Amino acid sequence: FSTDVSPILIDRCGICHGDRDPENNFAITTLTSLVKGGRSGPAIVPGKGEDSLLVKKLRGAGIEGQRMPLNAPPLADADIATIATWINQGARIDLLT
């Protein structure tokens, strides 16, 4: 997470989904807030990357609303795959291990 997933989320999502007044009440700053999601419901289903709203929003498929990041170029397919793989592997944080 710390070397592969976190940099993508911080760089591409942190502007709108940081700690201060996150868009749609969805903050990416903690694992709890990532899983909890925002107004649209849970963002991550650990073990199920393709079913997770975060991945669906990044791909722009099977969602209500718009593809993320809003008003910015889409993430590279490889970056979305990295996030989906992390979720498939249980969406664990490795910062302290």
N, C-alpha and C. Protein backbone atom coordinates (compact mmCIF):
# COMPACT_ATOMS: atom_id res chain seq x y z
N PHE A 1 0.82 -1.20 0.00
CA PHE A 1 0.00 0.00 0.00
C PHE A 1 0.86 1.26 0.00
N SER A 2 1.81 1.32 0.92
CA SER A 2 2.55 2.57 1.11
C SER A 2 3.37 2.98 -0.11
N THR A 3 3.86 2.03 -0.89
CA THR A 3 4.68 2.39 -2.05
C THR A 3 3.92 2.37 -3.36
N ASP A 4 2.84 1.61 -3.45
CA ASP A 4 2.13 1.46 -4.73
C ASP A 4 0.79 2.18 -4.78
N VAL A 5 -0.02 2.04 -3.76
CA VAL A 5 -1.39 2.56 -3.79
C VAL A 5 -1.50 3.97 -3.22
N SER A 6 -0.92 4.18 -2.07
CA SER A 6 -1.03 5.48 -1.41
C SER A 6 -0.57 6.64 -2.29
N PRO A 7 0.57 6.54 -2.99
CA PRO A 7 0.98 7.67 -3.84
C PRO A 7 -0.04 8.01 -4.93
N ILE A 8 -0.70 7.00 -5.49
CA ILE A 8 -1.72 7.25 -6.51
C ILE A 8 -2.89 8.00 -5.89
N LEU A 9 -3.37 7.50 -4.76
CA LEU A 9 -4.52 8.13 -4.12
C LEU A 9 -4.22 9.56 -3.69
N ILE A 10 -3.07 9.76 -3.09
CA ILE A 10 -2.71 11.10 -2.62
C ILE A 10 -2.56 12.06 -3.80
N ASP A 11 -1.83 11.62 -4.82
CA ASP A 11 -1.56 12.48 -5.97
C ASP A 11 -2.80 12.80 -6.78
N ARG A 12 -3.63 11.81 -7.02
CA ARG A 12 -4.75 12.00 -7.94
C ARG A 12 -6.09 12.26 -7.27
N CYS A 13 -6.22 11.89 -5.99
CA CYS A 13 -7.52 12.01 -5.32
C CYS A 13 -7.50 12.96 -4.12
N GLY A 14 -6.31 13.21 -3.60
CA GLY A 14 -6.18 13.96 -2.35
C GLY A 14 -6.66 15.39 -2.40
N ILE A 15 -6.60 16.01 -3.57
CA ILE A 15 -7.03 17.41 -3.66
C ILE A 15 -8.50 17.56 -3.27
N CYS A 16 -9.33 16.66 -3.74
CA CYS A 16 -10.77 16.75 -3.46
C CYS A 16 -11.21 15.90 -2.26
N HIS A 17 -10.44 14.85 -1.95
CA HIS A 17 -10.86 13.90 -0.92
C HIS A 17 -9.88 13.81 0.23
N GLY A 18 -9.31 14.96 0.60
CA GLY A 18 -8.41 15.02 1.74
C GLY A 18 -9.19 15.18 3.04
N ASP A 19 -8.50 15.62 4.07
CA ASP A 19 -9.10 15.76 5.40
C ASP A 19 -10.08 16.92 5.53
N ARG A 20 -9.81 18.01 4.85
CA ARG A 20 -10.62 19.22 5.04
C ARG A 20 -11.77 19.26 4.04
N ASP A 21 -12.96 19.14 4.55
CA ASP A 21 -14.17 19.25 3.74
C ASP A 21 -14.10 18.39 2.48
N PRO A 22 -13.95 17.08 2.63
CA PRO A 22 -13.83 16.21 1.45
C PRO A 22 -15.12 16.18 0.64
N GLU A 23 -14.95 16.17 -0.67
CA GLU A 23 -16.10 16.09 -1.58
C GLU A 23 -16.94 14.86 -1.26
N ASN A 24 -18.25 15.03 -1.24
CA ASN A 24 -19.22 13.96 -0.98
C ASN A 24 -18.92 13.19 0.31
N ASN A 25 -18.29 13.88 1.27
CA ASN A 25 -17.95 13.28 2.56
C ASN A 25 -17.07 12.04 2.42
N PHE A 26 -16.30 11.95 1.35
CA PHE A 26 -15.41 10.81 1.13
C PHE A 26 -13.96 11.26 1.24
N ALA A 27 -13.31 10.81 2.32
CA ALA A 27 -11.90 11.13 2.54
C ALA A 27 -11.06 9.88 2.30
N ILE A 28 -9.86 10.10 1.75
CA ILE A 28 -8.96 8.98 1.47
C ILE A 28 -7.82 8.90 2.48
N THR A 29 -7.93 9.62 3.58
CA THR A 29 -6.81 9.80 4.49
C THR A 29 -6.61 8.67 5.49
N THR A 30 -7.60 7.83 5.69
CA THR A 30 -7.45 6.67 6.59
C THR A 30 -8.11 5.45 5.95
N LEU A 31 -7.70 4.28 6.40
CA LEU A 31 -8.34 3.07 5.90
C LEU A 31 -9.82 3.06 6.26
N THR A 32 -10.14 3.51 7.45
CA THR A 32 -11.54 3.56 7.87
C THR A 32 -12.36 4.43 6.93
N SER A 33 -11.84 5.61 6.59
CA SER A 33 -12.60 6.49 5.70
C SER A 33 -12.65 5.95 4.27
N LEU A 34 -11.60 5.26 3.84
CA LEU A 34 -11.61 4.64 2.52
C LEU A 34 -12.70 3.58 2.42
N VAL A 35 -12.77 2.73 3.43
CA VAL A 35 -13.77 1.65 3.42
C VAL A 35 -15.18 2.24 3.59
N LYS A 36 -15.32 3.16 4.52
CA LYS A 36 -16.63 3.75 4.80
C LYS A 36 -17.21 4.43 3.56
N GLY A 37 -16.36 5.12 2.83
CA GLY A 37 -16.85 5.84 1.66
C GLY A 37 -17.49 7.15 2.05
N GLY A 38 -18.38 7.61 1.21
CA GLY A 38 -19.03 8.90 1.45
C GLY A 38 -20.53 8.79 1.25
N ARG A 39 -21.09 9.80 0.62
CA ARG A 39 -22.55 9.84 0.40
C ARG A 39 -23.04 8.70 -0.47
N SER A 40 -22.18 8.17 -1.32
CA SER A 40 -22.58 7.09 -2.22
C SER A 40 -22.45 5.71 -1.59
N GLY A 41 -21.98 5.65 -0.34
CA GLY A 41 -21.84 4.38 0.35
C GLY A 41 -20.40 3.91 0.42
N PRO A 42 -20.20 2.66 0.86
CA PRO A 42 -18.85 2.13 1.03
C PRO A 42 -18.06 2.20 -0.28
N ALA A 43 -16.81 2.65 -0.18
CA ALA A 43 -15.97 2.79 -1.36
C ALA A 43 -15.19 1.53 -1.68
N ILE A 44 -14.91 0.73 -0.65
CA ILE A 44 -14.08 -0.46 -0.83
C ILE A 44 -14.78 -1.66 -0.22
N VAL A 45 -14.77 -2.77 -0.95
CA VAL A 45 -15.21 -4.06 -0.43
C VAL A 45 -13.96 -4.93 -0.40
N PRO A 46 -13.28 -5.03 0.77
CA PRO A 46 -12.05 -5.81 0.81
C PRO A 46 -12.23 -7.20 0.20
N GLY A 47 -11.30 -7.55 -0.68
CA GLY A 47 -11.36 -8.83 -1.36
C GLY A 47 -12.12 -8.79 -2.67
N LYS A 48 -12.77 -7.67 -2.97
CA LYS A 48 -13.60 -7.57 -4.17
C LYS A 48 -13.34 -6.24 -4.89
N GLY A 49 -12.20 -6.16 -5.55
CA GLY A 49 -11.81 -4.93 -6.23
C GLY A 49 -12.80 -4.47 -7.28
N GLU A 50 -13.24 -5.38 -8.12
CA GLU A 50 -14.14 -5.00 -9.21
C GLU A 50 -15.53 -4.61 -8.72
N ASP A 51 -15.90 -5.05 -7.52
CA ASP A 51 -17.19 -4.70 -6.94
C ASP A 51 -17.12 -3.41 -6.11
N SER A 52 -15.92 -2.91 -5.89
CA SER A 52 -15.74 -1.73 -5.05
C SER A 52 -16.08 -0.46 -5.82
N LEU A 53 -16.83 0.42 -5.16
CA LEU A 53 -17.25 1.67 -5.77
C LEU A 53 -16.04 2.50 -6.21
N LEU A 54 -14.97 2.47 -5.44
CA LEU A 54 -13.78 3.23 -5.80
C LEU A 54 -13.27 2.84 -7.19
N VAL A 55 -13.16 1.56 -7.44
CA VAL A 55 -12.68 1.08 -8.74
C VAL A 55 -13.69 1.41 -9.83
N LYS A 56 -14.95 1.24 -9.55
CA LYS A 56 -15.99 1.56 -10.54
C LYS A 56 -15.95 3.05 -10.90
N LYS A 57 -15.78 3.90 -9.90
CA LYS A 57 -15.72 5.35 -10.16
C LYS A 57 -14.47 5.70 -10.97
N LEU A 58 -13.36 5.06 -10.66
CA LEU A 58 -12.12 5.33 -11.40
C LEU A 58 -12.21 4.86 -12.85
N ARG A 59 -12.94 3.77 -13.07
CA ARG A 59 -13.12 3.26 -14.43
C ARG A 59 -14.25 3.96 -15.17
N GLY A 60 -15.18 4.53 -14.43
CA GLY A 60 -16.32 5.19 -15.04
C GLY A 60 -17.34 4.22 -15.58
N ALA A 61 -17.42 3.05 -14.98
CA ALA A 61 -18.34 2.00 -15.45
C ALA A 61 -19.20 1.49 -14.30
N GLY A 62 -20.48 1.28 -14.58
CA GLY A 62 -21.39 0.71 -13.58
C GLY A 62 -21.65 1.65 -12.42
N ILE A 63 -21.68 2.95 -12.69
CA ILE A 63 -21.84 3.92 -11.62
C ILE A 63 -22.94 4.93 -11.94
N GLU A 64 -23.40 5.58 -10.89
CA GLU A 64 -24.20 6.78 -11.07
C GLU A 64 -23.23 7.94 -10.94
N GLY A 65 -23.47 8.99 -11.65
CA GLY A 65 -22.58 10.13 -11.57
C GLY A 65 -21.44 10.03 -12.57
N GLN A 66 -20.38 10.75 -12.29
CA GLN A 66 -19.29 10.87 -13.24
C GLN A 66 -18.06 10.07 -12.84
N ARG A 67 -17.23 9.81 -13.84
CA ARG A 67 -15.96 9.14 -13.62
C ARG A 67 -15.06 10.06 -12.79
N MET A 68 -14.23 9.45 -11.98
CA MET A 68 -13.28 10.19 -11.17
C MET A 68 -11.88 9.97 -11.71
N PRO A 69 -10.99 10.90 -11.52
CA PRO A 69 -11.17 12.18 -10.87
C PRO A 69 -11.94 13.16 -11.74
N LEU A 70 -12.79 13.91 -11.11
CA LEU A 70 -13.66 14.85 -11.79
C LEU A 70 -12.84 16.00 -12.37
N ASN A 71 -13.13 16.36 -13.61
CA ASN A 71 -12.46 17.46 -14.30
C ASN A 71 -10.94 17.30 -14.38
N ALA A 72 -10.49 16.06 -14.46
CA ALA A 72 -9.06 15.76 -14.59
C ALA A 72 -8.92 14.53 -15.47
N PRO A 73 -7.75 14.32 -16.04
CA PRO A 73 -7.56 13.12 -16.86
C PRO A 73 -7.78 11.85 -16.03
N PRO A 74 -8.34 10.81 -16.64
CA PRO A 74 -8.53 9.55 -15.92
C PRO A 74 -7.20 8.96 -15.48
N LEU A 75 -7.26 8.16 -14.45
CA LEU A 75 -6.07 7.42 -14.04
C LEU A 75 -5.70 6.43 -15.13
N ALA A 76 -4.42 6.12 -15.20
CA ALA A 76 -3.95 5.11 -16.14
C ALA A 76 -4.55 3.76 -15.75
N ASP A 77 -4.82 2.93 -16.75
CA ASP A 77 -5.38 1.60 -16.48
C ASP A 77 -4.50 0.83 -15.50
N ALA A 78 -3.18 0.98 -15.61
CA ALA A 78 -2.26 0.28 -14.71
C ALA A 78 -2.44 0.75 -13.26
N ASP A 79 -2.69 2.03 -13.06
CA ASP A 79 -2.92 2.55 -11.71
C ASP A 79 -4.22 2.03 -11.13
N ILE A 80 -5.26 1.98 -11.95
CA ILE A 80 -6.54 1.43 -11.49
C ILE A 80 -6.38 -0.05 -11.16
N ALA A 81 -5.64 -0.77 -11.98
CA ALA A 81 -5.39 -2.19 -11.73
C ALA A 81 -4.62 -2.38 -10.42
N THR A 82 -3.69 -1.49 -10.13
CA THR A 82 -2.94 -1.56 -8.87
C THR A 82 -3.87 -1.41 -7.68
N ILE A 83 -4.78 -0.45 -7.76
CA ILE A 83 -5.75 -0.24 -6.68
C ILE A 83 -6.68 -1.44 -6.55
N ALA A 84 -7.17 -1.96 -7.67
CA ALA A 84 -8.06 -3.14 -7.64
C ALA A 84 -7.34 -4.34 -7.05
N THR A 85 -6.08 -4.54 -7.40
CA THR A 85 -5.31 -5.66 -6.85
C THR A 85 -5.14 -5.52 -5.35
N TRP A 86 -4.84 -4.31 -4.89
CA TRP A 86 -4.71 -4.06 -3.45
C TRP A 86 -6.01 -4.40 -2.73
N ILE A 87 -7.14 -4.00 -3.30
CA ILE A 87 -8.43 -4.32 -2.70
C ILE A 87 -8.66 -5.82 -2.72
N ASN A 88 -8.36 -6.47 -3.84
CA ASN A 88 -8.51 -7.93 -3.94
C ASN A 88 -7.70 -8.66 -2.89
N GLN A 89 -6.56 -8.10 -2.52
CA GLN A 89 -5.68 -8.72 -1.53
C GLN A 89 -6.06 -8.38 -0.10
N GLY A 90 -7.21 -7.74 0.08
CA GLY A 90 -7.73 -7.47 1.41
C GLY A 90 -7.68 -6.03 1.85
N ALA A 91 -7.16 -5.13 1.01
CA ALA A 91 -7.13 -3.69 1.30
C ALA A 91 -6.49 -3.42 2.66
N ARG A 92 -5.31 -3.94 2.83
CA ARG A 92 -4.58 -3.74 4.11
C ARG A 92 -3.59 -2.60 3.97
N ILE A 93 -3.33 -1.97 5.11
CA ILE A 93 -2.33 -0.90 5.20
C ILE A 93 -1.04 -1.51 5.73
N ASP A 94 0.08 -1.22 5.09
CA ASP A 94 1.35 -1.81 5.52
C ASP A 94 2.30 -0.78 6.15
N LEU A 95 1.83 0.38 6.46
CA LEU A 95 2.70 1.44 6.96
C LEU A 95 3.43 1.08 8.26
N LEU A 96 2.79 0.31 9.10
CA LEU A 96 3.38 0.00 10.41
C LEU A 96 4.00 -1.40 10.46
N THR A 97 3.98 -2.13 9.37
CA THR A 97 4.50 -3.49 9.39
C THR A 97 5.74 -3.61 8.55
